Amino acid sequence: MDSFHRFANDAATAFSRAKQYTEEKIGHSEKTQFDPQFENLQRRADRTKVWTEKLCKQMETVLQPNPTIRMEEFFLEKLDKKRRPRLTNHEVLGQLMISAGNDYGPNTAFGSALIKVGDAEAKIGVAEREFVETSARKFIKPCKSYIENDCKSINKERKLLTVKRLDLDACKNRLKKANTTEKAQAADNDLRAAQSEFDRQHEITKLMLDGVGSTHTNQLRSLGEFVEAQLKYYLTSYRELIELQKQLTSTGAFTPTATAGANATSNDGVGNAEKSKLMASNVASRAKVLYDYDAANSAELSLLADEIITVHTVPGMDDDWIMAERGNQRGKVPTTYIQILS
């Protein structure tokens, strides 16, 4: 019997909400309006969801252009299965070049060059794989977590708030239409209860919507980490290619048509104009380190981002390098890693 009463009450409530919703749509009933601040919070939440989905999808396309592989990784993620190790195209190309070079003969000019280029391509491929993995972990994963968890929770509370609003407005209409004192008293009691539930749900929903602001802060941090990963990838590729170009040029069979750093500007390191001034003045200058740098050999000096060092030119040194000193330590460093201080 109790279950029948519950079913009857639920059916009556559902009918009341449907009736209220329909009357609002055709303009026969008024509805409670949210304040402008709350409406702005709702619009911000909607924009955040839409743009997060678009950015996440495009980021996946950039990191993995192959749609078939993306679909495979999607299903593996949903099934909570470990992804198979997959070589990047640069790594595959590097392995083929090394194999071809060994087949031609590592002592031949062409075979030796293939091995050197293949080794550089393989290292660039490893750097690319690290960039993709870091970006997926630092940017895509937090975005998906927001969409699949936070957005669903926000939408759930907003739907519940809509239900409470329909109940509230239905009670208001019943109070207006009450034609006896008893009906008016009963409608007034229902209205008070509905108003209390609506106010409570409004506060809960507002707190959830306010939390979108912290999501923007988290996404900003994720965006910065993506840029850091991309910068590391490009710097690694740059260093590998510069060294490779030097090795190929030393064979005498190859003459480069472009020299990296020839058009460098002072915003991203030491430009040719600044270096020429240093050579002309023949004095040491202070420089700020832009990025961390690990010395490849004893002739180089390791750097830490944001530290201040002393630099000066050495006649005959390659344009991409400059001599640096830190206390008693001394060694050459890449010009793209520092910025001359005026």
C-alpha atoms as a PDB file:
ATOM      1  CA  MET A   1       0.000   0.000   0.000  1.00  0.00           C
ATOM      2  CA  ASP A   2       2.841   2.366   0.871  1.00  0.00           C
ATOM      3  CA  SER A   3       4.524   1.682  -2.440  1.00  0.00           C
ATOM      4  CA  PHE A   4       1.284   2.504  -4.257  1.00  0.00           C
ATOM      5  CA  HIS A   5       1.025   5.833  -2.439  1.00  0.00           C
ATOM      6  CA  ARG A   6       4.644   6.649  -3.307  1.00  0.00           C
ATOM      7  CA  PHE A   7       3.985   5.803  -6.941  1.00  0.00           C
ATOM      8  CA  ALA A   8       0.871   7.968  -6.966  1.00  0.00           C
ATOM      9  CA  ASN A   9       2.718  10.901  -5.372  1.00  0.00           C
ATOM     10  CA  ASP A  10       5.617  10.604  -7.843  1.00  0.00           C
ATOM     11  CA  ALA A  11       3.198  10.469 -10.758  1.00  0.00           C
ATOM     12  CA  ALA A  12       1.348  13.546  -9.490  1.00  0.00           C
ATOM     13  CA  THR A  13       4.622  15.452  -9.037  1.00  0.00           C
ATOM     14  CA  ALA A  14       5.824  14.503 -12.530  1.00  0.00           C
ATOM     15  CA  PHE A  15       2.479  15.608 -14.016  1.00  0.00           C
ATOM     16  CA  SER A  16       2.646  18.898 -12.129  1.00  0.00           C
ATOM     17  CA  ARG A  17       6.161  19.599 -13.469  1.00  0.00           C
ATOM     18  CA  ALA A  18       5.184  18.686 -17.013  1.00  0.00           C
ATOM     19  CA  LYS A  19       2.124  20.917 -16.808  1.00  0.00           C
ATOM     20  CA  GLN A  20       4.160  23.835 -15.440  1.00  0.00           C
ATOM     21  CA  TYR A  21       6.832  23.401 -18.138  1.00  0.00           C
ATOM     22  CA  THR A  22       4.219  23.313 -20.899  1.00  0.00           C
ATOM     23  CA  GLU A  23       2.402  26.395 -19.621  1.00  0.00           C
ATOM     24  CA  GLU A  24       5.706  28.291 -19.465  1.00  0.00           C
ATOM     25  CA  LYS A  25       6.496  27.344 -23.049  1.00  0.00           C
ATOM     26  CA  ILE A  26       3.158  28.579 -24.383  1.00  0.00           C
ATOM     27  CA  GLY A  27       3.275  31.705 -22.228  1.00  0.00           C
ATOM     28  CA  HIS A  28       0.394  30.875 -19.888  1.00  0.00           C
ATOM     29  CA  SER A  29       2.536  30.821 -16.770  1.00  0.00           C
ATOM     30  CA  GLU A  30       5.393  32.850 -15.320  1.00  0.00           C
ATOM     31  CA  LYS A  31       8.639  31.303 -14.172  1.00  0.00           C
ATOM     32  CA  THR A  32      11.172  32.290 -11.536  1.00  0.00           C
ATOM     33  CA  GLN A  33      14.112  34.112 -13.107  1.00  0.00           C
ATOM     34  CA  PHE A  34      17.705  33.649 -11.966  1.00  0.00           C
ATOM     35  CA  ASP A  35      19.754  36.710 -11.080  1.00  0.00           C
ATOM     36  CA  PRO A  36      22.191  38.072 -13.736  1.00  0.00           C
ATOM     37  CA  GLN A  37      25.265  36.868 -11.831  1.00  0.00           C
ATOM     38  CA  PHE A  38      23.946  33.308 -11.764  1.00  0.00           C
ATOM     39  CA  GLU A  39      23.098  33.478 -15.468  1.00  0.00           C
ATOM     40  CA  ASN A  40      26.667  34.653 -16.212  1.00  0.00           C
ATOM     41  CA  LEU A  41      28.049  31.718 -14.237  1.00  0.00           C
ATOM     42  CA  GLN A  42      25.920  29.332 -16.273  1.00  0.00           C
ATOM     43  CA  ARG A  43      27.076  30.858 -19.555  1.00  0.00           C
ATOM     44  CA  ARG A  44      30.703  30.651 -18.425  1.00  0.00           C
ATOM     45  CA  ALA A  45      30.265  26.971 -17.562  1.00  0.00           C
ATOM     46  CA  ASP A  46      28.703  26.297 -20.981  1.00  0.00           C
ATOM     47  CA  ARG A  47      31.524  28.113 -22.807  1.00  0.00           C
ATOM     48  CA  THR A  48      34.162  26.297 -20.779  1.00  0.00           C
ATOM     49  CA  LYS A  49      32.664  22.910 -21.627  1.00  0.00           C
ATOM     50  CA  VAL A  50      32.363  23.671 -25.352  1.00  0.00           C
ATOM     51  CA  TRP A  51      35.889  25.064 -25.728  1.00  0.00           C
ATOM     52  CA  THR A  52      37.481  22.406 -23.542  1.00  0.00           C
ATOM     53  CA  GLU A  53      35.947  19.699 -25.748  1.00  0.00           C
ATOM     54  CA  LYS A  54      37.125  21.432 -28.941  1.00  0.00           C
ATOM     55  CA  LEU A  55      40.653  22.092 -27.648  1.00  0.00           C
ATOM     56  CA  CYS A  56      40.990  18.550 -26.316  1.00  0.00           C
ATOM     57  CA  LYS A  57      39.856  17.046 -29.623  1.00  0.00           C
ATOM     58  CA  GLN A  58      42.194  19.225 -31.689  1.00  0.00           C
ATOM     59  CA  MET A  59      45.105  18.541 -29.341  1.00  0.00           C
ATOM     60  CA  GLU A  60      44.581  14.805 -29.853  1.00  0.00           C
ATOM     61  CA  THR A  61      44.634  15.403 -33.623  1.00  0.00           C
ATOM     62  CA  VAL A  62      47.912  17.327 -33.368  1.00  0.00           C
ATOM     63  CA  LEU A  63      49.605  14.720 -31.182  1.00  0.00           C
ATOM     64  CA  GLN A  64      48.296  11.766 -33.192  1.00  0.00           C
ATOM     65  CA  PRO A  65      47.185  12.703 -36.753  1.00  0.00           C
ATOM     66  CA  ASN A  66      46.240   9.092 -37.612  1.00  0.00           C
ATOM     67  CA  PRO A  67      42.492   8.677 -36.823  1.00  0.00           C
ATOM     68  CA  THR A  68      42.734   4.884 -36.777  1.00  0.00           C
ATOM     69  CA  ILE A  69      45.415   4.932 -34.094  1.00  0.00           C
ATOM     70  CA  ARG A  70      43.439   7.544 -32.129  1.00  0.00           C
ATOM     71  CA  MET A  71      40.400   5.269 -32.172  1.00  0.00           C
ATOM     72  CA  GLU A  72      42.503   2.304 -31.071  1.00  0.00           C
ATOM     73  CA  GLU A  73      43.982   4.293 -28.180  1.00  0.00           C
ATOM     74  CA  PHE A  74      40.483   5.488 -27.210  1.00  0.00           C
ATOM     75  CA  PHE A  75      39.175   1.931 -26.875  1.00  0.00           C
ATOM     76  CA  LEU A  76      42.294   0.778 -25.016  1.00  0.00           C
ATOM     77  CA  GLU A  77      41.823   3.664 -22.580  1.00  0.00           C
ATOM     78  CA  LYS A  78      38.142   2.792 -22.077  1.00  0.00           C
ATOM     79  CA  LEU A  79      39.001  -0.882 -21.535  1.00  0.00           C
ATOM     80  CA  ASP A  80      41.761   0.184 -19.119  1.00  0.00           C
ATOM     81  CA  LYS A  81      44.347  -1.765 -21.092  1.00  0.00           C
ATOM     82  CA  LYS A  82      47.992  -0.824 -21.498  1.00  0.00           C
ATOM     83  CA  ARG A  83      48.915   0.712 -24.815  1.00  0.00           C
ATOM     84  CA  ARG A  84      51.450  -1.055 -26.973  1.00  0.00           C
ATOM     85  CA  PRO A  85      54.799   0.722 -27.334  1.00  0.00           C
ATOM     86  CA  ARG A  86      54.697   2.528 -30.657  1.00  0.00           C
ATOM     87  CA  LEU A  87      57.682   4.061 -32.449  1.00  0.00           C
ATOM     88  CA  THR A  88      57.327   7.519 -33.935  1.00  0.00           C
ATOM     89  CA  ASN A  89      57.842   8.061 -37.663  1.00  0.00           C
ATOM     90  CA  HIS A  90      61.195   9.713 -36.947  1.00  0.00           C
ATOM     91  CA  GLU A  91      62.358   6.664 -34.993  1.00  0.00           C
ATOM     92  CA  VAL A  92      61.291   4.298 -37.791  1.00  0.00           C
ATOM     93  CA  LEU A  93      63.046   6.487 -40.361  1.00  0.00           C
ATOM     94  CA  GLY A  94      66.167   6.599 -38.178  1.00  0.00           C
ATOM     95  CA  GLN A  95      66.274   2.803 -37.853  1.00  0.00           C
ATOM     96  CA  LEU A  96      65.900   2.374 -41.627  1.00  0.00           C
ATOM     97  CA  MET A  97      68.680   4.863 -42.313  1.00  0.00           C
ATOM     98  CA  ILE A  98      71.009   3.136 -39.853  1.00  0.00           C
ATOM     99  CA  SER A  99      70.231  -0.260 -41.391  1.00  0.00           C
ATOM    100  CA  ALA A 100      70.809   1.130 -44.898  1.00  0.00           C
ATOM    101  CA  GLY A 101      74.063   2.765 -43.818  1.00  0.00           C
ATOM    102  CA  ASN A 102      75.369  -0.452 -42.322  1.00  0.00           C
ATOM    103  CA  ASP A 103      74.414  -2.306 -45.501  1.00  0.00           C
ATOM    104  CA  TYR A 104      76.180   0.224 -47.746  1.00  0.00           C
ATOM    105  CA  GLY A 105      79.123   0.087 -45.375  1.00  0.00           C
ATOM    106  CA  PRO A 106      79.844   2.361 -42.424  1.00  0.00           C
ATOM    107  CA  ASN A 107      83.269   3.118 -43.908  1.00  0.00           C
ATOM    108  CA  THR A 108      81.760   4.574 -47.080  1.00  0.00           C
ATOM    109  CA  ALA A 109      80.877   8.276 -47.220  1.00  0.00           C
ATOM    110  CA  PHE A 110      77.209   7.654 -47.967  1.00  0.00           C
ATOM    111  CA  GLY A 111      76.875   4.801 -45.493  1.00  0.00           C
ATOM    112  CA  SER A 112      78.507   6.825 -42.713  1.00  0.00           C
ATOM    113  CA  ALA A 113      76.262   9.830 -43.447  1.00  0.00           C
ATOM    114  CA  LEU A 114      73.141   7.639 -43.364  1.00  0.00           C
ATOM    115  CA  ILE A 115      74.114   6.273 -39.974  1.00  0.00           C
ATOM    116  CA  LYS A 116      74.720   9.756 -38.587  1.00  0.00           C
ATOM    117  CA  VAL A 117      71.431  11.119 -39.926  1.00  0.00           C
ATOM    118  CA  GLY A 118      69.596   7.998 -38.763  1.00  0.00           C
ATOM    119  CA  ASP A 119      70.985   8.374 -35.259  1.00  0.00           C
ATOM    120  CA  ALA A 120      69.849  12.025 -35.150  1.00  0.00           C
ATOM    121  CA  GLU A 121      66.400  11.143 -36.482  1.00  0.00           C
ATOM    122  CA  ALA A 122      66.025   8.418 -33.851  1.00  0.00           C
ATOM    123  CA  LYS A 123      66.904  10.892 -31.079  1.00  0.00           C
ATOM    124  CA  ILE A 124      64.421  13.412 -32.485  1.00  0.00           C
ATOM    125  CA  GLY A 125      61.825  10.636 -32.542  1.00  0.00           C
ATOM    126  CA  VAL A 126      62.444   9.848 -28.884  1.00  0.00           C
ATOM    127  CA  ALA A 127      62.071  13.548 -28.043  1.00  0.00           C
ATOM    128  CA  GLU A 128      58.835  13.658 -30.050  1.00  0.00           C
ATOM    129  CA  ARG A 129      57.451  10.629 -28.197  1.00  0.00           C
ATOM    130  CA  GLU A 130      58.288  12.240 -24.849  1.00  0.00           C
ATOM    131  CA  PHE A 131      56.566  15.442 -26.005  1.00  0.00           C
ATOM    132  CA  VAL A 132      53.419  13.538 -27.037  1.00  0.00           C
ATOM    133  CA  GLU A 133      53.301  11.534 -23.795  1.00  0.00           C
ATOM    134  CA  THR A 134      53.873  14.626 -21.639  1.00  0.00           C
ATOM    135  CA  SER A 135      51.245  16.664 -23.496  1.00  0.00           C
ATOM    136  CA  ALA A 136      48.700  13.860 -23.216  1.00  0.00           C
ATOM    137  CA  ARG A 137      49.358  13.532 -19.488  1.00  0.00           C
ATOM    138  CA  LYS A 138      49.597  17.229 -18.644  1.00  0.00           C
ATOM    139  CA  PHE A 139      46.959  18.715 -20.976  1.00  0.00           C
ATOM    140  CA  ILE A 140      44.578  16.167 -22.510  1.00  0.00           C
ATOM    141  CA  LYS A 141      44.052  14.061 -19.391  1.00  0.00           C
ATOM    142  CA  PRO A 142      43.041  17.018 -17.138  1.00  0.00           C
ATOM    143  CA  CYS A 143      40.711  18.318 -19.870  1.00  0.00           C
ATOM    144  CA  LYS A 144      39.014  14.942 -20.240  1.00  0.00           C
ATOM    145  CA  SER A 145      38.737  14.641 -16.480  1.00  0.00           C
ATOM    146  CA  TYR A 146      36.927  17.983 -16.344  1.00  0.00           C
ATOM    147  CA  ILE A 147      34.536  17.011 -19.148  1.00  0.00           C
ATOM    148  CA  GLU A 148      33.782  13.524 -17.832  1.00  0.00           C
ATOM    149  CA  ASN A 149      33.576  14.387 -14.130  1.00  0.00           C
ATOM    150  CA  ASP A 150      33.146  18.067 -13.303  1.00  0.00           C
ATOM    151  CA  CYS A 151      30.862  18.884 -16.236  1.00  0.00           C
ATOM    152  CA  LYS A 152      28.616  15.923 -15.498  1.00  0.00           C
ATOM    153  CA  SER A 153      28.346  16.938 -11.848  1.00  0.00           C
ATOM    154  CA  ILE A 154      27.525  20.534 -12.790  1.00  0.00           C
ATOM    155  CA  ASN A 155      24.884  19.444 -15.306  1.00  0.00           C
ATOM    156  CA  LYS A 156      23.345  17.095 -12.753  1.00  0.00           C
ATOM    157  CA  GLU A 157      22.940  19.912 -10.221  1.00  0.00           C
ATOM    158  CA  ARG A 158      21.597  22.296 -12.872  1.00  0.00           C
ATOM    159  CA  LYS A 159      18.961  19.780 -13.954  1.00  0.00           C
ATOM    160  CA  LEU A 160      17.974  19.253 -10.332  1.00  0.00           C
ATOM    161  CA  LEU A 161      17.719  23.034  -9.890  1.00  0.00           C
ATOM    162  CA  THR A 162      15.395  23.199 -12.916  1.00  0.00           C
ATOM    163  CA  VAL A 163      13.199  20.553 -11.307  1.00  0.00           C
ATOM    164  CA  LYS A 164      13.070  22.483  -8.033  1.00  0.00           C
ATOM    165  CA  ARG A 165      12.197  25.668  -9.915  1.00  0.00           C
ATOM    166  CA  LEU A 166       9.315  23.936 -11.693  1.00  0.00           C
ATOM    167  CA  ASP A 167       8.026  22.703  -8.326  1.00  0.00           C
ATOM    168  CA  LEU A 168       8.323  26.207  -6.874  1.00  0.00           C
ATOM    169  CA  ASP A 169       6.479  27.879  -9.754  1.00  0.00           C
ATOM    170  CA  ALA A 170       3.798  25.201  -9.744  1.00  0.00           C
ATOM    171  CA  CYS A 171       3.188  25.922  -6.044  1.00  0.00           C
ATOM    172  CA  LYS A 172       2.972  29.659  -6.791  1.00  0.00           C
ATOM    173  CA  ASN A 173       0.322  29.006  -9.444  1.00  0.00           C
ATOM    174  CA  ARG A 174      -1.672  26.753  -7.138  1.00  0.00           C
ATOM    175  CA  LEU A 175      -1.644  29.484  -4.475  1.00  0.00           C
ATOM    176  CA  LYS A 176      -2.929  32.025  -7.014  1.00  0.00           C
ATOM    177  CA  LYS A 177      -5.741  29.699  -8.090  1.00  0.00           C
ATOM    178  CA  ALA A 178      -6.783  28.654  -4.545  1.00  0.00           C
ATOM    179  CA  ASN A 179     -10.459  29.562  -4.059  1.00  0.00           C
ATOM    180  CA  THR A 180     -10.882  28.464  -0.434  1.00  0.00           C
ATOM    181  CA  THR A 181      -9.018  29.207   2.774  1.00  0.00           C
ATOM    182  CA  GLU A 182      -8.050  25.549   3.246  1.00  0.00           C
ATOM    183  CA  LYS A 183      -6.653  25.266  -0.282  1.00  0.00           C
ATOM    184  CA  ALA A 184      -4.787  28.544   0.143  1.00  0.00           C
ATOM    185  CA  GLN A 185      -3.271  27.376   3.442  1.00  0.00           C
ATOM    186  CA  ALA A 186      -2.195  24.051   1.946  1.00  0.00           C
ATOM    187  CA  ALA A 187      -0.745  25.777  -1.144  1.00  0.00           C
ATOM    188  CA  ASP A 188       1.118  28.270   1.055  1.00  0.00           C
ATOM    189  CA  ASN A 189       2.682  25.445   3.083  1.00  0.00           C
ATOM    190  CA  ASP A 190       3.724  23.691  -0.126  1.00  0.00           C
ATOM    191  CA  LEU A 191       5.163  26.949  -1.425  1.00  0.00           C
ATOM    192  CA  ARG A 192       7.282  27.478   1.682  1.00  0.00           C
ATOM    193  CA  ALA A 193       8.687  23.949   1.440  1.00  0.00           C
ATOM    194  CA  ALA A 194       9.341  24.314  -2.302  1.00  0.00           C
ATOM    195  CA  GLN A 195      11.036  27.700  -1.782  1.00  0.00           C
ATOM    196  CA  SER A 196      13.321  26.191   0.863  1.00  0.00           C
ATOM    197  CA  GLU A 197      14.335  23.307  -1.407  1.00  0.00           C
ATOM    198  CA  PHE A 198      14.836  25.659  -4.339  1.00  0.00           C
ATOM    199  CA  ASP A 199      17.058  28.019  -2.315  1.00  0.00           C
ATOM    200  CA  ARG A 200      19.148  25.108  -1.061  1.00  0.00           C
ATOM    201  CA  GLN A 201      19.642  23.680  -4.554  1.00  0.00           C
ATOM    202  CA  HIS A 202      20.389  27.151  -5.918  1.00  0.00           C
ATOM    203  CA  GLU A 203      23.268  27.533  -3.452  1.00  0.00           C
ATOM    204  CA  ILE A 204      24.651  24.079  -4.291  1.00  0.00           C
ATOM    205  CA  THR A 205      24.516  24.783  -8.022  1.00  0.00           C
ATOM    206  CA  LYS A 206      26.089  28.231  -7.566  1.00  0.00           C
ATOM    207  CA  LEU A 207      29.003  26.694  -5.660  1.00  0.00           C
ATOM    208  CA  MET A 208      29.538  24.198  -8.473  1.00  0.00           C
ATOM    209  CA  LEU A 209      29.459  26.959 -11.089  1.00  0.00           C
ATOM    210  CA  ASP A 210      31.856  29.116  -9.069  1.00  0.00           C
ATOM    211  CA  GLY A 211      34.325  26.221  -9.216  1.00  0.00           C
ATOM    212  CA  VAL A 212      34.703  26.721 -12.975  1.00  0.00           C
ATOM    213  CA  GLY A 213      37.035  29.624 -12.156  1.00  0.00           C
ATOM    214  CA  SER A 214      39.527  27.231 -10.542  1.00  0.00           C
ATOM    215  CA  THR A 215      39.208  25.035 -13.647  1.00  0.00           C
ATOM    216  CA  HIS A 216      40.458  27.947 -15.751  1.00  0.00           C
ATOM    217  CA  THR A 217      43.458  28.271 -13.407  1.00  0.00           C
ATOM    218  CA  ASN A 218      44.207  24.563 -13.719  1.00  0.00           C
ATOM    219  CA  GLN A 219      43.866  24.667 -17.507  1.00  0.00           C
ATOM    220  CA  LEU A 220      46.211  27.649 -17.649  1.00  0.00           C
ATOM    221  CA  ARG A 221      48.812  25.613 -15.762  1.00  0.00           C
ATOM    222  CA  SER A 222      48.236  22.662 -18.124  1.00  0.00           C
ATOM    223  CA  LEU A 223      48.666  24.981 -21.104  1.00  0.00           C
ATOM    224  CA  GLY A 224      51.983  26.227 -19.721  1.00  0.00           C
ATOM    225  CA  GLU A 225      53.182  22.649 -19.208  1.00  0.00           C
ATOM    226  CA  PHE A 226      52.236  21.837 -22.810  1.00  0.00           C
ATOM    227  CA  VAL A 227      54.281  24.790 -24.066  1.00  0.00           C
ATOM    228  CA  GLU A 228      57.234  23.695 -21.890  1.00  0.00           C
ATOM    229  CA  ALA A 229      57.073  20.179 -23.348  1.00  0.00           C
ATOM    230  CA  GLN A 230      56.862  21.525 -26.889  1.00  0.00           C
ATOM    231  CA  LEU A 231      59.775  23.887 -26.291  1.00  0.00           C
ATOM    232  CA  LYS A 232      61.907  21.047 -24.937  1.00  0.00           C
ATOM    233  CA  TYR A 233      61.084  18.938 -28.001  1.00  0.00           C
ATOM    234  CA  TYR A 234      61.985  21.697 -30.465  1.00  0.00           C
ATOM    235  CA  LEU A 235      65.182  22.616 -28.606  1.00  0.00           C
ATOM    236  CA  THR A 236      66.294  18.983 -28.598  1.00  0.00           C
ATOM    237  CA  SER A 237      65.567  18.734 -32.324  1.00  0.00           C
ATOM    238  CA  TYR A 238      67.437  21.983 -32.950  1.00  0.00           C
ATOM    239  CA  ARG A 239      70.540  20.848 -31.084  1.00  0.00           C
ATOM    240  CA  GLU A 240      70.568  17.461 -32.814  1.00  0.00           C
ATOM    241  CA  LEU A 241      70.213  19.015 -36.260  1.00  0.00           C
ATOM    242  CA  ILE A 242      72.880  21.660 -35.627  1.00  0.00           C
ATOM    243  CA  GLU A 243      75.351  18.973 -34.544  1.00  0.00           C
ATOM    244  CA  LEU A 244      74.335  16.783 -37.493  1.00  0.00           C
ATOM    245  CA  GLN A 245      74.849  19.649 -39.920  1.00  0.00           C
ATOM    246  CA  LYS A 246      78.365  20.189 -38.551  1.00  0.00           C
ATOM    247  CA  GLN A 247      79.210  16.501 -38.960  1.00  0.00           C
ATOM    248  CA  LEU A 248      77.949  16.397 -42.540  1.00  0.00           C
ATOM    249  CA  THR A 249      79.729  19.639 -43.424  1.00  0.00           C
ATOM    250  CA  SER A 250      83.025  18.293 -42.070  1.00  0.00           C
ATOM    251  CA  THR A 251      82.948  15.491 -44.661  1.00  0.00           C
ATOM    252  CA  GLY A 252      83.360  18.050 -47.456  1.00  0.00           C
ATOM    253  CA  ALA A 253      80.646  16.382 -49.524  1.00  0.00           C
ATOM    254  CA  PHE A 254      77.927  18.686 -48.280  1.00  0.00           C
ATOM    255  CA  THR A 255      77.698  22.468 -48.204  1.00  0.00           C
ATOM    256  CA  PRO A 256      74.849  23.931 -46.094  1.00  0.00           C
ATOM    257  CA  THR A 257      72.711  26.572 -47.762  1.00  0.00           C
ATOM    258  CA  ALA A 258      71.304  27.836 -44.453  1.00  0.00           C
ATOM    259  CA  THR A 259      72.999  28.319 -41.106  1.00  0.00           C
ATOM    260  CA  ALA A 260      70.848  28.108 -37.998  1.00  0.00           C
ATOM    261  CA  GLY A 261      70.980  31.258 -35.961  1.00  0.00           C
ATOM    262  CA  ALA A 262      71.984  33.451 -38.898  1.00  0.00           C
ATOM    263  CA  ASN A 263      68.839  35.526 -38.503  1.00  0.00           C
ATOM    264  CA  ALA A 264      68.403  35.105 -34.768  1.00  0.00           C
ATOM    265  CA  THR A 265      67.035  38.042 -32.840  1.00  0.00           C
ATOM    266  CA  SER A 266      67.832  39.309 -29.372  1.00  0.00           C
ATOM    267  CA  ASN A 267      64.404  38.210 -28.094  1.00  0.00           C
ATOM    268  CA  ASP A 268      65.292  34.508 -28.365  1.00  0.00           C
ATOM    269  CA  GLY A 269      68.992  34.493 -27.616  1.00  0.00           C
ATOM    270  CA  VAL A 270      72.097  36.297 -28.843  1.00  0.00           C
ATOM    271  CA  GLY A 271      71.661  37.723 -32.339  1.00  0.00           C
ATOM    272  CA  ASN A 272      74.496  38.402 -34.786  1.00  0.00           C
ATOM    273  CA  ALA A 273      74.290  42.141 -34.094  1.00  0.00           C
ATOM    274  CA  GLU A 274      74.818  41.639 -30.355  1.00  0.00           C
ATOM    275  CA  LYS A 275      77.622  39.181 -30.954  1.00  0.00           C
ATOM    276  CA  SER A 276      79.344  41.610 -33.317  1.00  0.00           C
ATOM    277  CA  LYS A 277      79.198  44.312 -30.646  1.00  0.00           C
ATOM    278  CA  LEU A 278      80.766  41.952 -28.127  1.00  0.00           C
ATOM    279  CA  MET A 279      83.584  41.108 -30.518  1.00  0.00           C
ATOM    280  CA  ALA A 280      84.172  44.777 -31.316  1.00  0.00           C
ATOM    281  CA  SER A 281      84.271  45.815 -27.670  1.00  0.00           C
ATOM    282  CA  ASN A 282      86.234  42.687 -26.649  1.00  0.00           C
ATOM    283  CA  VAL A 283      84.758  42.936 -23.137  1.00  0.00           C
ATOM    284  CA  ALA A 284      82.693  40.522 -21.077  1.00  0.00           C
ATOM    285  CA  SER A 285      78.956  41.072 -20.640  1.00  0.00           C
ATOM    286  CA  ARG A 286      76.344  39.769 -18.265  1.00  0.00           C
ATOM    287  CA  ALA A 287      73.661  37.439 -19.672  1.00  0.00           C
ATOM    288  CA  LYS A 288      70.519  35.783 -18.372  1.00  0.00           C
ATOM    289  CA  VAL A 289      70.025  32.063 -18.982  1.00  0.00           C
ATOM    290  CA  LEU A 290      66.693  31.385 -20.731  1.00  0.00           C
ATOM    291  CA  TYR A 291      66.564  27.576 -20.443  1.00  0.00           C
ATOM    292  CA  ASP A 292      68.325  24.733 -18.646  1.00  0.00           C
ATOM    293  CA  TYR A 293      71.218  23.268 -20.617  1.00  0.00           C
ATOM    294  CA  ASP A 294      73.226  20.112 -19.933  1.00  0.00           C
ATOM    295  CA  ALA A 295      76.809  20.221 -21.175  1.00  0.00           C
ATOM    296  CA  ALA A 296      77.527  17.534 -23.771  1.00  0.00           C
ATOM    297  CA  ASN A 297      81.271  17.484 -23.021  1.00  0.00           C
ATOM    298  CA  SER A 298      83.968  19.089 -20.882  1.00  0.00           C
ATOM    299  CA  ALA A 299      84.320  22.010 -23.305  1.00  0.00           C
ATOM    300  CA  GLU A 300      80.754  23.143 -22.596  1.00  0.00           C
ATOM    301  CA  LEU A 301      79.175  24.692 -19.502  1.00  0.00           C
ATOM    302  CA  SER A 302      75.879  23.475 -18.012  1.00  0.00           C
ATOM    303  CA  LEU A 303      73.252  26.161 -17.403  1.00  0.00           C
ATOM    304  CA  LEU A 304      70.260  26.676 -15.141  1.00  0.00           C
ATOM    305  CA  ALA A 305      67.301  28.782 -16.257  1.00  0.00           C
ATOM    306  CA  ASP A 306      67.186  32.371 -14.869  1.00  0.00           C
ATOM    307  CA  GLU A 307      70.765  32.404 -13.549  1.00  0.00           C
ATOM    308  CA  ILE A 308      73.098  35.252 -14.497  1.00  0.00           C
ATOM    309  CA  ILE A 309      76.439  34.416 -16.141  1.00  0.00           C
ATOM    310  CA  THR A 310      79.290  36.287 -17.798  1.00  0.00           C
ATOM    311  CA  VAL A 311      79.816  35.817 -21.547  1.00  0.00           C
ATOM    312  CA  HIS A 312      82.364  36.932 -24.090  1.00  0.00           C
ATOM    313  CA  THR A 313      83.281  36.042 -27.650  1.00  0.00           C
ATOM    314  CA  VAL A 314      86.262  34.009 -28.786  1.00  0.00           C
ATOM    315  CA  PRO A 315      87.720  34.598 -32.266  1.00  0.00           C
ATOM    316  CA  GLY A 316      87.040  31.682 -34.577  1.00  0.00           C
ATOM    317  CA  MET A 317      84.202  30.242 -32.469  1.00  0.00           C
ATOM    318  CA  ASP A 318      81.102  29.073 -34.289  1.00  0.00           C
ATOM    319  CA  ASP A 319      78.299  31.670 -34.533  1.00  0.00           C
ATOM    320  CA  ASP A 320      75.924  29.394 -32.592  1.00  0.00           C
ATOM    321  CA  TRP A 321      78.186  29.328 -29.508  1.00  0.00           C
ATOM    322  CA  ILE A 322      79.630  31.826 -27.061  1.00  0.00           C
ATOM    323  CA  MET A 323      82.078  31.481 -24.169  1.00  0.00           C
ATOM    324  CA  ALA A 324      80.512  31.686 -20.700  1.00  0.00           C
ATOM    325  CA  GLU A 325      81.850  31.886 -17.145  1.00  0.00           C
ATOM    326  CA  ARG A 326      80.280  31.198 -13.772  1.00  0.00           C
ATOM    327  CA  GLY A 327      82.715  31.720 -10.933  1.00  0.00           C
ATOM    328  CA  ASN A 328      85.664  29.419 -11.613  1.00  0.00           C
ATOM    329  CA  GLN A 329      83.713  27.409 -14.186  1.00  0.00           C
ATOM    330  CA  ARG A 330      84.178  28.159 -17.850  1.00  0.00           C
ATOM    331  CA  GLY A 331      82.863  26.671 -21.104  1.00  0.00           C
ATOM    332  CA  LYS A 332      81.016  27.404 -24.308  1.00  0.00           C
ATOM    333  CA  VAL A 333      77.205  27.567 -24.378  1.00  0.00           C
ATOM    334  CA  PRO A 334      74.598  27.844 -27.180  1.00  0.00           C
ATOM    335  CA  THR A 335      73.722  31.450 -27.961  1.00  0.00           C
ATOM    336  CA  THR A 336      70.001  30.583 -28.191  1.00  0.00           C
ATOM    337  CA  TYR A 337      69.958  29.690 -24.480  1.00  0.00           C
ATOM    338  CA  ILE A 338      70.965  33.131 -23.182  1.00  0.00           C
ATOM    339  CA  GLN A 339      69.935  36.762 -23.431  1.00  0.00           C
ATOM    340  CA  ILE A 340      72.476  39.594 -23.179  1.00  0.00           C
ATOM    341  CA  LEU A 341      71.603  42.080 -20.436  1.00  0.00           C
ATOM    342  CA  SER A 342      72.024  45.767 -21.241  1.00  0.00           C
END
